[in-house]
Every structure is written in C-alpha cells, then in structure tokens.
Amino acid sequence: MKPAIAHQYDAANARFLAGLAAAAYEGGESAECEHDVVHAPQTDTRAIIASDGQDCVVAFRGTQDLRNWLTDLDCALARVGGHRVHRGFYEAVESVRGEIVARVQGLKRERLWFTGHSLGGALAMLCAHGWDGAVEGVYTFGQPRAGDAAFRNEYNERLGAATFRVVHGDDIVPRVPWVPGHYYHAGHEVFYPMDPAKGPVLDRPWWARLAGEVCALVGELRHGRLALLDDHHMRRYLALYPDARALATHLQP
C-alpha cells in the first residue's frame, strides 16, 4: 500500500482495504484469504489481522444479523472519558481490543491501518481512536455513526486527516442512528453518487448531506429500513473497486 497523505483519499488503498473488509466476513478461513483471526464469542465480534512486514491491517467484520443489529442501533450512548459512544459498539470493540493489541505488537510492521464494513467500520474507528501508537489510516465502508460531538471532535483532532468513510449513495446505514444531536460522523466522507461514474465527492457541503438525510428518512418511512438494506451489502462497495478482492490476496499472516 502507499503511505497516507493527510486529507487525500487514495482510491488504490481504498480498493485494497475494501478487499480485506470483505475477507473479514469469511473469517480468514478461505483458501484465498488466510489471515490471523481474533474472535470474541461473547459479543460475536471478529477481526482479521494481516501483515506483509510493511503494512499491517486490522479489518473488522460487519454484522451477520442485520435485523438484530438495526434494533441495537437504538441503544443509548455510553460515556467513555470525556465523550460518549454507542454502547453496543464500544462493548464489541473492547471484547477484542486486548487480543488485537497483543497480536499486532508481535508483528513486524511499519504502518498500521484499520478498516471494516458496516458495523465493522464503526468498530475500526473506535479501535483506532483508542490505539496507543501511530495509525497510518482508517478506511471504512457503509459505516454508521459511532459517537457524540465530543467523540467526533476528539477523533478528528488525532485521526480525522487520515480517516475516510466511503458511502454509497443508495446506502441507508451511514445515516443511522436516527437520533438528531446525539450521533455524529468523524473523518472525511467519500461519497459515491447512485451513479458511481460521477463520483467520488469528498466532504459534501452540509446542505447536500442534509438533502440525502431527508431522502433516506423518507425512504425508510415508506419502505422500511430492512427493505433498503440490499444497497448496504458489501458487494455494492466492492463494485466501486472491481479488483478489490484480487488486491487483498498478497497479504499473509
């Protein structure tokens, strides 16, 4: 992977990390993607860790049960230090943080990256935020909001310049939780319109984001949240990077 440049979205790195975010769903058990696996049964949280001696990537798996997870999105915020984050997300990442730290510290590496799709993206952001050491970059795909305004401000002060949230224009999940004034996004938004050939757009102005929020909310009220979830699937994000899976294959445990 190429070294990160502050505030600059790198499509090649995004393709690579999208492939690993997809591989996290396979648990590292496929012949194509054999990676070290961290799993906490009590929260059903899973991540894969891969390194080539230069780059190390921690990729969190998204949810395996969208119906239950979307219900969990209504969970209250939990206070952690001077900010608040989604309680379920925080408990999930804390259940694997210690093992991830131990394994990453045992690897030869120069740069550390975090990635994930859906719930996995929120966990990647929370894990990177609490990481004691340098983080090269964070790329997430279809990530929901993870914390309050204080979390956003604290996160952006340290990692905002190196964090890119890839959002597909048809995806409803980056617009949840629906709790105005409580949950905020951090990092840079990389927005791909419904016609990806027209994108991406980095950090849309607030009025463009607001229009998207309103359209998504109307769609949820008319069709139901679950009816809109096909647009959230990892395959929609992989389609933005046709060779993403192939690019993930050279990293070895």
C-alpha atoms as a PDB file:
ATOM      1  CA  MET A   1       0.000   0.000   0.000  1.00  0.00           C
ATOM      2  CA  LYS A   2       1.015   3.601  -0.492  1.00  0.00           C
ATOM      3  CA  PRO A   3       1.802   5.801   2.531  1.00  0.00           C
ATOM      4  CA  ALA A   4      -1.092   8.020   3.543  1.00  0.00           C
ATOM      5  CA  ILE A   5      -1.173  11.701   2.617  1.00  0.00           C
ATOM      6  CA  ALA A   6      -3.178  13.838   5.009  1.00  0.00           C
ATOM      7  CA  HIS A   7      -6.655  14.781   3.775  1.00  0.00           C
ATOM      8  CA  GLN A   8      -6.161  12.916   0.478  1.00  0.00           C
ATOM      9  CA  TYR A   9      -8.356   9.946  -0.397  1.00  0.00           C
ATOM     10  CA  ASP A  10      -6.372   7.194  -2.103  1.00  0.00           C
ATOM     11  CA  ALA A  11      -8.560   5.015  -4.331  1.00  0.00           C
ATOM     12  CA  ALA A  12      -5.869   2.338  -4.653  1.00  0.00           C
ATOM     13  CA  ASN A  13      -5.581   1.983  -0.886  1.00  0.00           C
ATOM     14  CA  ALA A  14      -9.381   2.009  -0.645  1.00  0.00           C
ATOM     15  CA  ARG A  15      -9.599  -0.860  -3.147  1.00  0.00           C
ATOM     16  CA  PHE A  16      -7.084  -2.851  -1.159  1.00  0.00           C
ATOM     17  CA  LEU A  17      -8.784  -2.267   2.181  1.00  0.00           C
ATOM     18  CA  ALA A  18     -12.237  -2.977   0.739  1.00  0.00           C
ATOM     19  CA  GLY A  19     -10.960  -6.409  -0.211  1.00  0.00           C
ATOM     20  CA  LEU A  20      -9.827  -7.051   3.350  1.00  0.00           C
ATOM     21  CA  ALA A  21     -13.093  -5.713   4.776  1.00  0.00           C
ATOM     22  CA  ALA A  22     -14.851  -8.314   2.610  1.00  0.00           C
ATOM     23  CA  ALA A  23     -12.399 -11.012   3.684  1.00  0.00           C
ATOM     24  CA  ALA A  24     -13.291 -10.325   7.323  1.00  0.00           C
ATOM     25  CA  TYR A  25     -16.743 -11.796   6.666  1.00  0.00           C
ATOM     26  CA  GLU A  26     -15.059 -15.048   5.674  1.00  0.00           C
ATOM     27  CA  GLY A  27     -13.250 -15.200   8.983  1.00  0.00           C
ATOM     28  CA  GLY A  28      -9.902 -15.757   7.311  1.00  0.00           C
ATOM     29  CA  GLU A  29     -10.876 -19.360   6.625  1.00  0.00           C
ATOM     30  CA  SER A  30     -10.961 -19.316   2.844  1.00  0.00           C
ATOM     31  CA  ALA A  31      -8.060 -20.503   0.724  1.00  0.00           C
ATOM     32  CA  GLU A  32      -7.926 -17.077  -0.915  1.00  0.00           C
ATOM     33  CA  CYS A  33      -7.511 -15.068   2.281  1.00  0.00           C
ATOM     34  CA  GLU A  34      -5.665 -16.829   5.085  1.00  0.00           C
ATOM     35  CA  HIS A  35      -5.233 -14.336   7.903  1.00  0.00           C
ATOM     36  CA  ASP A  36      -4.855 -14.337  11.653  1.00  0.00           C
ATOM     37  CA  VAL A  37      -8.300 -14.230  13.260  1.00  0.00           C
ATOM     38  CA  VAL A  38      -9.452 -12.634  16.509  1.00  0.00           C
ATOM     39  CA  HIS A  39     -12.898 -13.626  17.747  1.00  0.00           C
ATOM     40  CA  ALA A  40     -14.838 -12.854  20.934  1.00  0.00           C
ATOM     41  CA  PRO A  41     -17.779 -15.300  21.210  1.00  0.00           C
ATOM     42  CA  GLN A  42     -19.497 -13.284  23.941  1.00  0.00           C
ATOM     43  CA  THR A  43     -20.096 -10.394  21.537  1.00  0.00           C
ATOM     44  CA  ASP A  44     -19.639 -12.330  18.265  1.00  0.00           C
ATOM     45  CA  THR A  45     -17.029  -9.771  17.255  1.00  0.00           C
ATOM     46  CA  ARG A  46     -14.476 -10.881  14.678  1.00  0.00           C
ATOM     47  CA  ALA A  47     -11.484  -9.225  13.075  1.00  0.00           C
ATOM     48  CA  ILE A  48      -8.678 -10.374  10.820  1.00  0.00           C
ATOM     49  CA  ILE A  49      -5.093  -9.173  11.118  1.00  0.00           C
ATOM     50  CA  ALA A  50      -2.773  -9.324   8.135  1.00  0.00           C
ATOM     51  CA  SER A  51       0.738  -8.035   7.569  1.00  0.00           C
ATOM     52  CA  ASP A  52       3.369  -8.170   4.852  1.00  0.00           C
ATOM     53  CA  GLY A  53       6.185  -6.814   7.025  1.00  0.00           C
ATOM     54  CA  GLN A  54       5.492  -3.251   5.982  1.00  0.00           C
ATOM     55  CA  ASP A  55       1.736  -2.741   6.246  1.00  0.00           C
ATOM     56  CA  CYS A  56      -0.431  -4.298   8.935  1.00  0.00           C
ATOM     57  CA  VAL A  57      -4.210  -4.173   8.534  1.00  0.00           C
ATOM     58  CA  VAL A  58      -6.866  -4.827  11.173  1.00  0.00           C
ATOM     59  CA  ALA A  59     -10.178  -5.487   9.397  1.00  0.00           C
ATOM     60  CA  PHE A  60     -13.358  -5.827  11.434  1.00  0.00           C
ATOM     61  CA  ARG A  61     -16.246  -7.967  10.264  1.00  0.00           C
ATOM     62  CA  GLY A  62     -19.627  -6.343   9.874  1.00  0.00           C
ATOM     63  CA  THR A  63     -22.766  -7.740  11.418  1.00  0.00           C
ATOM     64  CA  GLN A  64     -24.006 -11.191  10.495  1.00  0.00           C
ATOM     65  CA  ASP A  65     -27.580 -10.393  11.544  1.00  0.00           C
ATOM     66  CA  LEU A  66     -28.702  -7.025  10.213  1.00  0.00           C
ATOM     67  CA  ARG A  67     -32.192  -7.300  11.687  1.00  0.00           C
ATOM     68  CA  ASN A  68     -30.939  -7.598  15.263  1.00  0.00           C
ATOM     69  CA  TRP A  69     -28.171  -5.089  14.730  1.00  0.00           C
ATOM     70  CA  LEU A  70     -30.510  -2.425  13.390  1.00  0.00           C
ATOM     71  CA  THR A  71     -32.569  -2.830  16.524  1.00  0.00           C
ATOM     72  CA  ASP A  72     -29.389  -2.357  18.543  1.00  0.00           C
ATOM     73  CA  LEU A  73     -28.813   0.966  16.785  1.00  0.00           C
ATOM     74  CA  ASP A  74     -31.440   2.427  19.090  1.00  0.00           C
ATOM     75  CA  CYS A  75     -29.114   1.695  22.039  1.00  0.00           C
ATOM     76  CA  ALA A  76     -28.206   4.539  24.383  1.00  0.00           C
ATOM     77  CA  LEU A  77     -24.848   6.225  24.335  1.00  0.00           C
ATOM     78  CA  ALA A  78     -22.259   5.156  26.917  1.00  0.00           C
ATOM     79  CA  ARG A  79     -19.881   7.666  28.492  1.00  0.00           C
ATOM     80  CA  VAL A  80     -16.189   6.900  27.978  1.00  0.00           C
ATOM     81  CA  GLY A  81     -13.923   9.581  29.404  1.00  0.00           C
ATOM     82  CA  GLY A  82     -14.963  12.962  28.073  1.00  0.00           C
ATOM     83  CA  HIS A  83     -17.171  11.675  25.254  1.00  0.00           C
ATOM     84  CA  ARG A  84     -19.978   9.227  24.588  1.00  0.00           C
ATOM     85  CA  VAL A  85     -20.140   6.393  22.084  1.00  0.00           C
ATOM     86  CA  HIS A  86     -22.673   3.783  21.033  1.00  0.00           C
ATOM     87  CA  ARG A  87     -22.777   1.299  23.911  1.00  0.00           C
ATOM     88  CA  GLY A  88     -23.067  -1.829  21.793  1.00  0.00           C
ATOM     89  CA  PHE A  89     -20.221  -0.778  19.502  1.00  0.00           C
ATOM     90  CA  TYR A  90     -17.992   0.044  22.467  1.00  0.00           C
ATOM     91  CA  GLU A  91     -18.628  -3.285  24.195  1.00  0.00           C
ATOM     92  CA  ALA A  92     -17.923  -5.134  20.945  1.00  0.00           C
ATOM     93  CA  VAL A  93     -14.569  -3.491  20.272  1.00  0.00           C
ATOM     94  CA  GLU A  94     -13.456  -3.770  23.888  1.00  0.00           C
ATOM     95  CA  SER A  95     -14.107  -7.522  23.798  1.00  0.00           C
ATOM     96  CA  VAL A  96     -11.303  -7.963  21.236  1.00  0.00           C
ATOM     97  CA  ARG A  97      -9.052  -4.945  21.810  1.00  0.00           C
ATOM     98  CA  GLY A  98      -6.620  -6.681  24.164  1.00  0.00           C
ATOM     99  CA  GLU A  99      -6.027  -9.616  21.839  1.00  0.00           C
ATOM    100  CA  ILE A 100      -5.661  -7.346  18.811  1.00  0.00           C
ATOM    101  CA  VAL A 101      -3.074  -5.214  20.620  1.00  0.00           C
ATOM    102  CA  ALA A 102      -1.081  -8.284  21.643  1.00  0.00           C
ATOM    103  CA  ARG A 103      -1.046  -9.757  18.159  1.00  0.00           C
ATOM    104  CA  VAL A 104      -0.231  -6.529  16.333  1.00  0.00           C
ATOM    105  CA  GLN A 105       2.609  -5.768  18.726  1.00  0.00           C
ATOM    106  CA  GLY A 106       4.100  -9.149  17.854  1.00  0.00           C
ATOM    107  CA  LEU A 107       4.238  -8.387  14.129  1.00  0.00           C
ATOM    108  CA  LYS A 108       6.998  -6.747  12.162  1.00  0.00           C
ATOM    109  CA  ARG A 109       5.428  -3.695  10.520  1.00  0.00           C
ATOM    110  CA  GLU A 110       5.986  -0.082   9.577  1.00  0.00           C
ATOM    111  CA  ARG A 111       2.401   1.126   9.122  1.00  0.00           C
ATOM    112  CA  LEU A 112      -0.916   0.209  10.759  1.00  0.00           C
ATOM    113  CA  TRP A 113      -4.309   0.529   9.089  1.00  0.00           C
ATOM    114  CA  PHE A 114      -7.877  -0.105  10.248  1.00  0.00           C
ATOM    115  CA  THR A 115     -10.848  -0.962   8.055  1.00  0.00           C
ATOM    116  CA  GLY A 116     -14.291  -2.536   8.103  1.00  0.00           C
ATOM    117  CA  HIS A 117     -17.716  -2.524   6.503  1.00  0.00           C
ATOM    118  CA  SER A 118     -20.967  -1.589   8.233  1.00  0.00           C
ATOM    119  CA  LEU A 119     -20.716  -2.324  11.961  1.00  0.00           C
ATOM    120  CA  GLY A 120     -17.097  -3.297  11.257  1.00  0.00           C
ATOM    121  CA  GLY A 121     -16.400   0.262  10.137  1.00  0.00           C
ATOM    122  CA  ALA A 122     -17.653   1.694  13.410  1.00  0.00           C
ATOM    123  CA  LEU A 123     -15.528  -0.818  15.340  1.00  0.00           C
ATOM    124  CA  ALA A 124     -12.486   0.071  13.222  1.00  0.00           C
ATOM    125  CA  MET A 125     -12.953   3.744  14.082  1.00  0.00           C
ATOM    126  CA  LEU A 126     -13.376   3.060  17.796  1.00  0.00           C
ATOM    127  CA  CYS A 127     -10.346   0.760  17.876  1.00  0.00           C
ATOM    128  CA  ALA A 128      -8.181   3.283  16.026  1.00  0.00           C
ATOM    129  CA  HIS A 129      -9.345   6.064  18.342  1.00  0.00           C
ATOM    130  CA  GLY A 130      -8.149   4.168  21.407  1.00  0.00           C
ATOM    131  CA  TRP A 131      -4.940   2.846  19.858  1.00  0.00           C
ATOM    132  CA  ASP A 132      -1.787   3.616  21.831  1.00  0.00           C
ATOM    133  CA  GLY A 133       0.564   4.318  18.966  1.00  0.00           C
ATOM    134  CA  ALA A 134       0.684   5.599  15.411  1.00  0.00           C
ATOM    135  CA  VAL A 135      -2.147   4.825  12.980  1.00  0.00           C
ATOM    136  CA  GLU A 136      -1.416   5.313   9.288  1.00  0.00           C
ATOM    137  CA  GLY A 137      -5.017   5.420   8.099  1.00  0.00           C
ATOM    138  CA  VAL A 138      -8.626   4.337   8.596  1.00  0.00           C
ATOM    139  CA  TYR A 139     -10.908   3.465   5.676  1.00  0.00           C
ATOM    140  CA  THR A 140     -14.478   2.357   6.350  1.00  0.00           C
ATOM    141  CA  PHE A 141     -17.339   1.345   4.069  1.00  0.00           C
ATOM    142  CA  GLY A 142     -21.011   1.969   4.812  1.00  0.00           C
ATOM    143  CA  GLN A 143     -20.224   2.890   8.410  1.00  0.00           C
ATOM    144  CA  PRO A 144     -22.916   4.084  10.842  1.00  0.00           C
ATOM    145  CA  ARG A 145     -22.271   6.927  13.259  1.00  0.00           C
ATOM    146  CA  ALA A 146     -20.341   5.830  16.335  1.00  0.00           C
ATOM    147  CA  GLY A 147     -20.382   8.635  18.904  1.00  0.00           C
ATOM    148  CA  ASP A 148     -21.376  12.113  20.003  1.00  0.00           C
ATOM    149  CA  ALA A 149     -19.969  15.516  19.071  1.00  0.00           C
ATOM    150  CA  ALA A 150     -17.243  15.301  21.714  1.00  0.00           C
ATOM    151  CA  PHE A 151     -16.105  11.952  20.298  1.00  0.00           C
ATOM    152  CA  ARG A 152     -16.102  13.390  16.768  1.00  0.00           C
ATOM    153  CA  ASN A 153     -14.010  16.377  17.837  1.00  0.00           C
ATOM    154  CA  GLU A 154     -11.521  14.268  19.796  1.00  0.00           C
ATOM    155  CA  TYR A 155     -11.250  11.729  16.991  1.00  0.00           C
ATOM    156  CA  ASN A 156     -10.791  14.359  14.282  1.00  0.00           C
ATOM    157  CA  GLU A 157      -8.065  16.116  16.244  1.00  0.00           C
ATOM    158  CA  ARG A 158      -5.934  12.986  16.104  1.00  0.00           C
ATOM    159  CA  LEU A 159      -7.082  10.913  13.126  1.00  0.00           C
ATOM    160  CA  GLY A 160      -9.532  12.983  11.106  1.00  0.00           C
ATOM    161  CA  ALA A 161      -6.967  13.786   8.398  1.00  0.00           C
ATOM    162  CA  ALA A 162      -6.272  10.068   7.829  1.00  0.00           C
ATOM    163  CA  THR A 163      -9.830   8.727   8.046  1.00  0.00           C
ATOM    164  CA  PHE A 164     -12.089   8.207   5.031  1.00  0.00           C
ATOM    165  CA  ARG A 165     -15.670   6.946   5.256  1.00  0.00           C
ATOM    166  CA  VAL A 166     -16.755   5.579   1.876  1.00  0.00           C
ATOM    167  CA  VAL A 167     -20.515   5.977   1.405  1.00  0.00           C
ATOM    168  CA  HIS A 168     -22.612   4.588  -1.437  1.00  0.00           C
ATOM    169  CA  GLY A 169     -25.382   6.996  -2.408  1.00  0.00           C
ATOM    170  CA  ASP A 170     -28.090   4.334  -2.060  1.00  0.00           C
ATOM    171  CA  ASP A 171     -26.974   3.136   1.377  1.00  0.00           C
ATOM    172  CA  ILE A 172     -29.166   3.959   4.372  1.00  0.00           C
ATOM    173  CA  VAL A 173     -26.874   2.661   7.136  1.00  0.00           C
ATOM    174  CA  PRO A 174     -24.430   5.627   7.158  1.00  0.00           C
ATOM    175  CA  ARG A 175     -27.476   7.760   8.041  1.00  0.00           C
ATOM    176  CA  VAL A 176     -28.228   5.879  11.268  1.00  0.00           C
ATOM    177  CA  PRO A 177     -28.729   6.051  14.224  1.00  0.00           C
ATOM    178  CA  TRP A 178     -31.655   8.431  13.764  1.00  0.00           C
ATOM    179  CA  VAL A 179     -31.016  10.417  16.955  1.00  0.00           C
ATOM    180  CA  PRO A 180     -30.545  14.078  15.970  1.00  0.00           C
ATOM    181  CA  GLY A 181     -27.997  15.900  18.096  1.00  0.00           C
ATOM    182  CA  HIS A 182     -26.597  12.719  19.647  1.00  0.00           C
ATOM    183  CA  TYR A 183     -24.616  10.871  16.964  1.00  0.00           C
ATOM    184  CA  TYR A 184     -22.068  12.420  14.603  1.00  0.00           C
ATOM    185  CA  HIS A 185     -19.728  11.181  11.897  1.00  0.00           C
ATOM    186  CA  ALA A 186     -15.961  11.686  12.121  1.00  0.00           C
ATOM    187  CA  GLY A 187     -13.265  11.813   9.473  1.00  0.00           C
ATOM    188  CA  HIS A 188     -13.723  12.621   5.789  1.00  0.00           C
ATOM    189  CA  GLU A 189     -16.796  11.470   3.884  1.00  0.00           C
ATOM    190  CA  VAL A 190     -16.101   9.928   0.455  1.00  0.00           C
ATOM    191  CA  PHE A 191     -19.489   9.942  -1.244  1.00  0.00           C
ATOM    192  CA  TYR A 192     -20.188   7.877  -4.349  1.00  0.00           C
ATOM    193  CA  PRO A 193     -23.445   9.004  -6.015  1.00  0.00           C
ATOM    194  CA  MET A 194     -26.044   6.473  -7.135  1.00  0.00           C
ATOM    195  CA  ASP A 195     -24.168   6.530 -10.434  1.00  0.00           C
ATOM    196  CA  PRO A 196     -20.613   5.763  -9.199  1.00  0.00           C
ATOM    197  CA  ALA A 197     -19.171   7.006 -12.501  1.00  0.00           C
ATOM    198  CA  LYS A 198     -19.958  10.539 -11.285  1.00  0.00           C
ATOM    199  CA  GLY A 199     -18.035  10.205  -8.022  1.00  0.00           C
ATOM    200  CA  PRO A 200     -16.485  10.236  -5.613  1.00  0.00           C
ATOM    201  CA  VAL A 201     -17.149  13.524  -3.857  1.00  0.00           C
ATOM    202  CA  LEU A 202     -15.002  14.372  -0.853  1.00  0.00           C
ATOM    203  CA  ASP A 203     -16.778  16.064   2.062  1.00  0.00           C
ATOM    204  CA  ARG A 204     -20.068  17.194   0.545  1.00  0.00           C
ATOM    205  CA  PRO A 205     -21.360  20.537   1.884  1.00  0.00           C
ATOM    206  CA  TRP A 206     -23.835  20.334   4.762  1.00  0.00           C
ATOM    207  CA  TRP A 207     -26.821  21.214   2.590  1.00  0.00           C
ATOM    208  CA  ALA A 208     -26.088  18.304   0.229  1.00  0.00           C
ATOM    209  CA  ARG A 209     -25.747  15.909   3.166  1.00  0.00           C
ATOM    210  CA  LEU A 210     -28.988  17.215   4.663  1.00  0.00           C
ATOM    211  CA  ALA A 211     -30.856  16.551   1.416  1.00  0.00           C
ATOM    212  CA  GLY A 212     -29.544  12.990   1.434  1.00  0.00           C
ATOM    213  CA  GLU A 213     -30.593  12.506   5.050  1.00  0.00           C
ATOM    214  CA  VAL A 214     -34.121  13.657   4.291  1.00  0.00           C
ATOM    215  CA  CYS A 215     -34.423  11.390   1.247  1.00  0.00           C
ATOM    216  CA  ALA A 216     -33.138   8.415   3.236  1.00  0.00           C
ATOM    217  CA  LEU A 217     -35.556   9.069   6.092  1.00  0.00           C
ATOM    218  CA  VAL A 218     -38.494   9.329   3.685  1.00  0.00           C
ATOM    219  CA  GLY A 219     -37.402   6.074   2.069  1.00  0.00           C
ATOM    220  CA  GLU A 220     -37.253   4.363   5.450  1.00  0.00           C
ATOM    221  CA  LEU A 221     -40.713   5.593   6.392  1.00  0.00           C
ATOM    222  CA  ARG A 222     -42.178   4.443   3.060  1.00  0.00           C
ATOM    223  CA  HIS A 223     -40.407   1.135   2.558  1.00  0.00           C
ATOM    224  CA  GLY A 224     -38.971   0.185   5.932  1.00  0.00           C
ATOM    225  CA  ARG A 225     -35.326   0.027   6.911  1.00  0.00           C
ATOM    226  CA  LEU A 226     -34.907  -3.659   6.163  1.00  0.00           C
ATOM    227  CA  ALA A 227     -36.312  -3.246   2.659  1.00  0.00           C
ATOM    228  CA  LEU A 228     -33.485  -0.828   1.860  1.00  0.00           C
ATOM    229  CA  LEU A 229     -30.608  -2.942   3.126  1.00  0.00           C
ATOM    230  CA  ASP A 230     -29.634  -4.554  -0.156  1.00  0.00           C
ATOM    231  CA  ASP A 231     -27.969  -1.253  -1.050  1.00  0.00           C
ATOM    232  CA  HIS A 232     -25.824  -1.624   2.066  1.00  0.00           C
ATOM    233  CA  HIS A 233     -24.350  -5.018   1.207  1.00  0.00           C
ATOM    234  CA  MET A 234     -20.570  -5.321   0.928  1.00  0.00           C
ATOM    235  CA  ARG A 235     -20.905  -6.332  -2.710  1.00  0.00           C
ATOM    236  CA  ARG A 236     -22.189  -2.833  -3.519  1.00  0.00           C
ATOM    237  CA  TYR A 237     -18.983  -1.382  -2.114  1.00  0.00           C
ATOM    238  CA  LEU A 238     -16.771  -3.948  -3.820  1.00  0.00           C
ATOM    239  CA  ALA A 239     -18.440  -2.945  -7.084  1.00  0.00           C
ATOM    240  CA  LEU A 240     -16.885   0.509  -6.631  1.00  0.00           C
ATOM    241  CA  TYR A 241     -13.499  -1.228  -6.793  1.00  0.00           C
ATOM    242  CA  PRO A 242     -13.793  -4.133  -9.278  1.00  0.00           C
ATOM    243  CA  ASP A 243     -10.381  -5.615  -8.433  1.00  0.00           C
ATOM    244  CA  ALA A 244     -10.639  -5.222  -4.648  1.00  0.00           C
ATOM    245  CA  ARG A 245     -10.683  -8.919  -3.811  1.00  0.00           C
ATOM    246  CA  ALA A 246      -7.685  -9.685  -6.002  1.00  0.00           C
ATOM    247  CA  LEU A 247      -5.713  -6.872  -4.396  1.00  0.00           C
ATOM    248  CA  ALA A 248      -6.261  -8.358  -0.939  1.00  0.00           C
ATOM    249  CA  THR A 249      -4.591 -11.656  -1.665  1.00  0.00           C
ATOM    250  CA  HIS A 250      -0.907 -10.776  -1.276  1.00  0.00           C
ATOM    251  CA  LEU A 251      -1.068 -10.036   2.466  1.00  0.00           C
ATOM    252  CA  GLN A 252      -0.055 -13.081   4.514  1.00  0.00           C
ATOM    253  CA  PRO A 253      -0.293 -13.806   8.253  1.00  0.00           C
END
